Amino acid sequence: MTRISLFLLQLLSCVVVVFSFDITGKVLWNDECPDTTALGQAKVSLNEGILTGGITRNGEFTIPDVPWGTYILTILAHDYYFDQVRIDVSNSTSPEVRPYVAGTPMDPPSTIFLPYPISLTPREKYVYFVPPERFNLAGMLANPMMLLMVGGGVMMLAMPYLIKNLDPEALEELKEQQGKMGSIQNAFQNGDFKSGFSSLMAAADQPAQASPSKAGGAAKARGNKKAKR
């Protein structure tokens, strides 16, 4: 029994060796990430951690005993972003390497092939700290809501001075219009829409009726002046 079990273990090890492949590659340093010290703790992963491998000081990595199949290779680093690649392991002499964009379908595969061993370059560095925005008076005043608030405040401050400089007749007319608008608002707030709409229509018709009377009064005044002469 012991010899049979040893024979079976040897046979299984041979099968694993035949149906697996070591994935190798290298990280190419650049100005963004000049060496392994800048890279920090990182590892190479297939299909989100099914198989992993470490990265040496010179940037080389190896994922041993990868079975046949299709995988997405990713370099997991805390501070740097790398492109992902698709790897198809089969009974050929070397795996097929293709570019891969996250979210794209696996089939049909891309017609573009990348060289093997794999070469990956750090694309960009993650920025985790965003400095707070400084106080900007010009940007605050450019906000439309701020402009409305400032304009409303200026009108409130200037309204008493404008009212003082109005003619008595214009002041009386302004007070009358304010009273009418107040009554219309109260009617709508109390739910009396009929009287509110009727008051609104009457206020709209009043200027048209007042203009002929003003013209007639002006004509009478001119006639009185001619009669005096």
Protein backbone atom coordinates (compact mmCIF):
# COMPACT_ATOMS: atom_id res chain seq x y z
CA MET A 1 0.00 0.00 0.00
CA THR A 2 2.84 2.37 0.78
CA ARG A 3 4.46 1.80 -2.61
CA ILE A 4 1.14 2.31 -4.38
CA SER A 5 0.47 5.58 -2.56
CA LEU A 6 3.98 6.84 -3.35
CA PHE A 7 3.50 5.91 -7.01
CA LEU A 8 0.19 7.77 -7.12
CA LEU A 9 1.77 10.88 -5.55
CA GLN A 10 4.57 10.83 -8.11
CA LEU A 11 2.06 10.42 -10.90
CA LEU A 12 -0.01 13.37 -9.64
CA SER A 13 3.09 15.56 -9.33
CA CYS A 14 3.98 14.76 -12.93
CA VAL A 15 0.49 15.69 -14.05
CA VAL A 16 0.67 19.00 -12.15
CA VAL A 17 4.02 19.75 -13.74
CA VAL A 18 2.69 18.99 -17.20
CA PHE A 19 -0.50 21.04 -16.82
CA SER A 20 1.00 24.14 -15.16
CA PHE A 21 3.24 27.01 -16.17
CA ASP A 22 5.36 29.61 -14.36
CA ILE A 23 4.31 33.17 -15.26
CA THR A 24 7.29 35.53 -15.24
CA GLY A 25 7.67 39.22 -15.89
CA LYS A 26 9.30 42.43 -14.79
CA VAL A 27 8.37 45.90 -13.58
CA LEU A 28 10.08 48.60 -15.64
CA TRP A 29 11.06 51.55 -13.46
CA ASN A 30 10.48 55.11 -14.65
CA ASP A 31 10.52 58.65 -13.27
CA GLU A 32 7.16 58.08 -11.59
CA CYS A 33 8.44 55.01 -9.71
CA PRO A 34 12.27 54.77 -9.86
CA ASP A 35 12.87 51.66 -7.73
CA THR A 36 11.39 49.05 -5.43
CA THR A 37 11.77 51.36 -2.43
CA ALA A 38 9.38 53.85 -4.01
CA LEU A 39 7.04 51.02 -5.03
CA GLY A 40 6.76 49.74 -1.46
CA GLN A 41 4.87 46.58 -0.63
CA ALA A 42 3.38 45.13 -3.82
CA LYS A 43 2.50 41.77 -5.30
CA VAL A 44 1.38 40.26 -8.59
CA SER A 45 -2.10 38.71 -8.60
CA LEU A 46 -4.08 36.52 -10.98
CA ASN A 47 -7.87 36.84 -10.99
CA GLU A 48 -8.03 38.95 -7.83
CA GLY A 49 -5.83 36.78 -5.66
CA ILE A 50 -6.37 33.20 -6.86
CA LEU A 51 -2.61 32.97 -7.44
CA THR A 52 -0.02 35.53 -6.33
CA GLY A 53 3.69 36.19 -6.56
CA GLY A 54 6.19 38.60 -5.05
CA ILE A 55 8.31 41.28 -6.71
CA THR A 56 12.09 41.22 -6.23
CA ARG A 57 14.40 44.22 -5.80
CA ASN A 58 15.22 44.39 -9.51
CA GLY A 59 11.50 44.34 -10.40
CA GLU A 60 11.22 40.72 -11.53
CA PHE A 61 8.26 38.57 -10.48
CA THR A 62 7.18 34.95 -10.85
CA ILE A 63 3.85 33.21 -10.25
CA PRO A 64 4.64 29.48 -10.09
CA ASP A 65 2.50 26.53 -11.16
CA VAL A 66 -0.27 28.35 -12.99
CA PRO A 67 -2.75 25.79 -14.45
CA TRP A 68 -4.26 26.00 -17.90
CA GLY A 69 -6.83 28.72 -18.27
CA THR A 70 -7.43 32.42 -18.81
CA TYR A 71 -6.36 34.94 -16.18
CA ILE A 72 -6.24 38.68 -15.56
CA LEU A 73 -2.86 39.73 -14.17
CA THR A 74 -2.77 42.75 -11.87
CA ILE A 75 0.01 44.36 -9.86
CA LEU A 76 -1.41 45.35 -6.49
CA ALA A 77 0.50 48.34 -5.12
CA HIS A 78 -0.58 50.85 -2.49
CA ASP A 79 0.69 53.97 -4.24
CA TYR A 80 0.90 53.14 -7.96
CA TYR A 81 -1.44 52.12 -10.76
CA PHE A 82 -0.47 49.51 -13.39
CA ASP A 83 -2.19 48.32 -16.56
CA GLN A 84 -3.89 44.93 -16.45
CA VAL A 85 -3.09 42.17 -18.97
CA ARG A 86 -4.89 39.03 -20.02
CA ILE A 87 -2.93 35.76 -19.94
CA ASP A 88 -4.00 32.55 -21.68
CA VAL A 89 -2.09 29.51 -20.44
CA SER A 90 -2.29 26.44 -22.70
CA ASN A 91 -0.07 23.63 -23.93
CA SER A 92 2.00 26.04 -26.03
CA THR A 93 5.60 26.87 -25.21
CA SER A 94 4.69 30.24 -23.64
CA PRO A 95 1.44 31.89 -22.51
CA GLU A 96 -0.35 34.41 -24.71
CA VAL A 97 -0.39 37.93 -23.32
CA ARG A 98 -2.97 40.52 -24.43
CA PRO A 99 -3.91 43.98 -23.17
CA TYR A 100 -7.03 44.16 -21.03
CA VAL A 101 -9.26 47.04 -19.97
CA ALA A 102 -11.35 46.52 -16.85
CA GLY A 103 -15.03 46.05 -17.65
CA THR A 104 -14.57 44.79 -21.22
CA PRO A 105 -15.82 41.29 -22.16
CA MET A 106 -13.37 38.40 -22.21
CA ASP A 107 -14.71 37.01 -25.48
CA PRO A 108 -13.78 37.57 -28.20
CA PRO A 109 -10.16 38.10 -27.12
CA SER A 110 -8.11 41.01 -28.39
CA THR A 111 -6.13 40.53 -31.59
CA ILE A 112 -3.19 42.49 -30.13
CA PHE A 113 -0.44 40.41 -28.52
CA LEU A 114 2.14 41.65 -26.02
CA PRO A 115 5.64 40.24 -25.64
CA TYR A 116 6.45 37.57 -23.09
CA PRO A 117 7.95 37.74 -20.43
CA ILE A 118 5.53 40.41 -19.28
CA SER A 119 6.76 43.99 -18.88
CA LEU A 120 4.64 46.46 -16.91
CA THR A 121 5.32 50.14 -16.15
CA PRO A 122 3.82 52.24 -13.34
CA ARG A 123 1.31 54.58 -14.99
CA GLU A 124 0.55 57.05 -12.24
CA LYS A 125 0.76 57.57 -8.52
CA TYR A 126 -2.36 57.62 -6.39
CA VAL A 127 -3.05 60.89 -4.60
CA TYR A 128 -4.70 60.24 -1.25
CA PHE A 129 -4.36 63.76 0.19
CA VAL A 130 -6.25 66.63 -1.40
CA PRO A 131 -5.33 70.05 0.05
CA PRO A 132 -8.34 72.06 1.25
CA GLU A 133 -9.51 74.91 -0.91
CA ARG A 134 -8.48 78.39 0.21
CA PHE A 135 -10.92 81.22 0.78
CA ASN A 136 -11.58 82.96 -2.53
CA LEU A 137 -13.62 86.16 -2.35
CA ALA A 138 -13.86 86.51 -6.14
CA GLY A 139 -15.12 82.94 -6.51
CA MET A 140 -17.66 83.47 -3.74
CA LEU A 141 -19.01 86.63 -5.39
CA ALA A 142 -19.25 84.80 -8.71
CA ASN A 143 -21.85 82.48 -7.18
CA PRO A 144 -25.35 83.45 -8.47
CA MET A 145 -26.93 82.84 -5.07
CA MET A 146 -24.42 85.17 -3.44
CA LEU A 147 -25.13 87.83 -6.08
CA LEU A 148 -28.86 87.58 -5.34
CA MET A 149 -28.24 87.92 -1.61
CA VAL A 150 -25.95 90.93 -2.05
CA GLY A 151 -28.37 92.56 -4.49
CA GLY A 152 -31.30 92.02 -2.13
CA GLY A 153 -29.35 93.51 0.77
CA VAL A 154 -28.40 96.58 -1.28
CA MET A 155 -32.04 97.09 -2.31
CA MET A 156 -33.19 96.84 1.30
CA LEU A 157 -30.67 99.46 2.39
CA ALA A 158 -31.39 101.78 -0.54
CA MET A 159 -35.20 101.51 -0.43
CA PRO A 160 -35.75 104.09 2.39
CA TYR A 161 -33.65 106.67 0.54
CA LEU A 162 -35.50 106.02 -2.71
CA ILE A 163 -38.88 106.39 -1.00
CA LYS A 164 -37.85 109.72 0.54
CA ASN A 165 -36.99 111.14 -2.87
CA LEU A 166 -40.27 110.06 -4.51
CA ASP A 167 -43.02 112.56 -5.37
CA PRO A 168 -46.05 112.49 -3.06
CA GLU A 169 -48.28 111.24 -5.89
CA ALA A 170 -45.82 108.47 -6.82
CA LEU A 171 -45.49 107.54 -3.14
CA GLU A 172 -49.24 107.25 -2.75
CA GLU A 173 -49.44 105.13 -5.91
CA LEU A 174 -46.64 102.87 -4.61
CA LYS A 175 -48.42 102.40 -1.27
CA GLU A 176 -51.66 101.62 -3.07
CA GLN A 177 -49.97 98.99 -5.24
CA GLN A 178 -48.30 97.44 -2.18
CA GLY A 179 -51.65 97.25 -0.44
CA LYS A 180 -53.23 95.54 -3.44
CA MET A 181 -50.40 93.02 -3.72
CA GLY A 182 -50.69 92.30 -0.01
CA SER A 183 -54.41 91.64 -0.33
CA ILE A 184 -53.83 89.33 -3.31
CA GLN A 185 -51.18 87.36 -1.37
CA ASN A 186 -53.47 87.05 1.63
CA ALA A 187 -56.29 85.78 -0.59
CA PHE A 188 -54.08 83.08 -2.09
CA GLN A 189 -52.70 82.09 1.32
CA ASN A 190 -56.21 81.78 2.75
CA GLY A 191 -57.33 79.62 -0.17
CA ASP A 192 -59.66 82.24 -1.69
CA PHE A 193 -58.37 81.79 -5.25
CA LYS A 194 -61.44 83.36 -6.85
CA SER A 195 -61.05 86.74 -5.15
CA GLY A 196 -57.28 86.53 -5.60
CA PHE A 197 -57.52 86.05 -9.36
CA SER A 198 -60.21 88.76 -9.63
CA SER A 199 -58.02 91.23 -7.70
CA LEU A 200 -55.07 90.32 -9.90
CA MET A 201 -57.07 90.91 -13.09
CA ALA A 202 -58.42 94.19 -11.73
CA ALA A 203 -54.91 95.36 -10.92
CA ALA A 204 -53.82 94.46 -14.47
CA ASP A 205 -56.74 96.37 -16.03
CA GLN A 206 -56.37 99.48 -13.88
CA PRO A 207 -53.27 100.95 -15.65
CA ALA A 208 -55.04 100.69 -19.02
CA GLN A 209 -58.05 102.54 -17.63
CA ALA A 210 -55.94 105.13 -15.87
CA SER A 211 -53.98 106.14 -18.98
CA PRO A 212 -57.00 107.66 -20.87
CA SER A 213 -58.09 109.59 -17.79
CA LYS A 214 -54.60 111.02 -17.42
CA ALA A 215 -54.61 112.01 -21.08
CA GLY A 216 -58.04 113.64 -20.66
CA GLY A 217 -56.88 115.50 -17.57
CA ALA A 218 -53.84 116.79 -19.44
CA ALA A 219 -56.05 117.96 -22.32
CA LYS A 220 -58.39 119.76 -19.90
CA ALA A 221 -55.45 121.46 -18.26
CA ARG A 222 -54.20 122.68 -21.63
CA GLY A 223 -57.70 123.98 -22.48
CA ASN A 224 -57.89 125.87 -19.24
CA LYS A 225 -54.55 127.49 -19.93
CA LYS A 226 -55.67 128.60 -23.41
CA ALA A 227 -58.94 130.03 -22.02
CA LYS A 228 -57.02 132.10 -19.47
CA ARG A 229 -54.89 133.56 -22.22
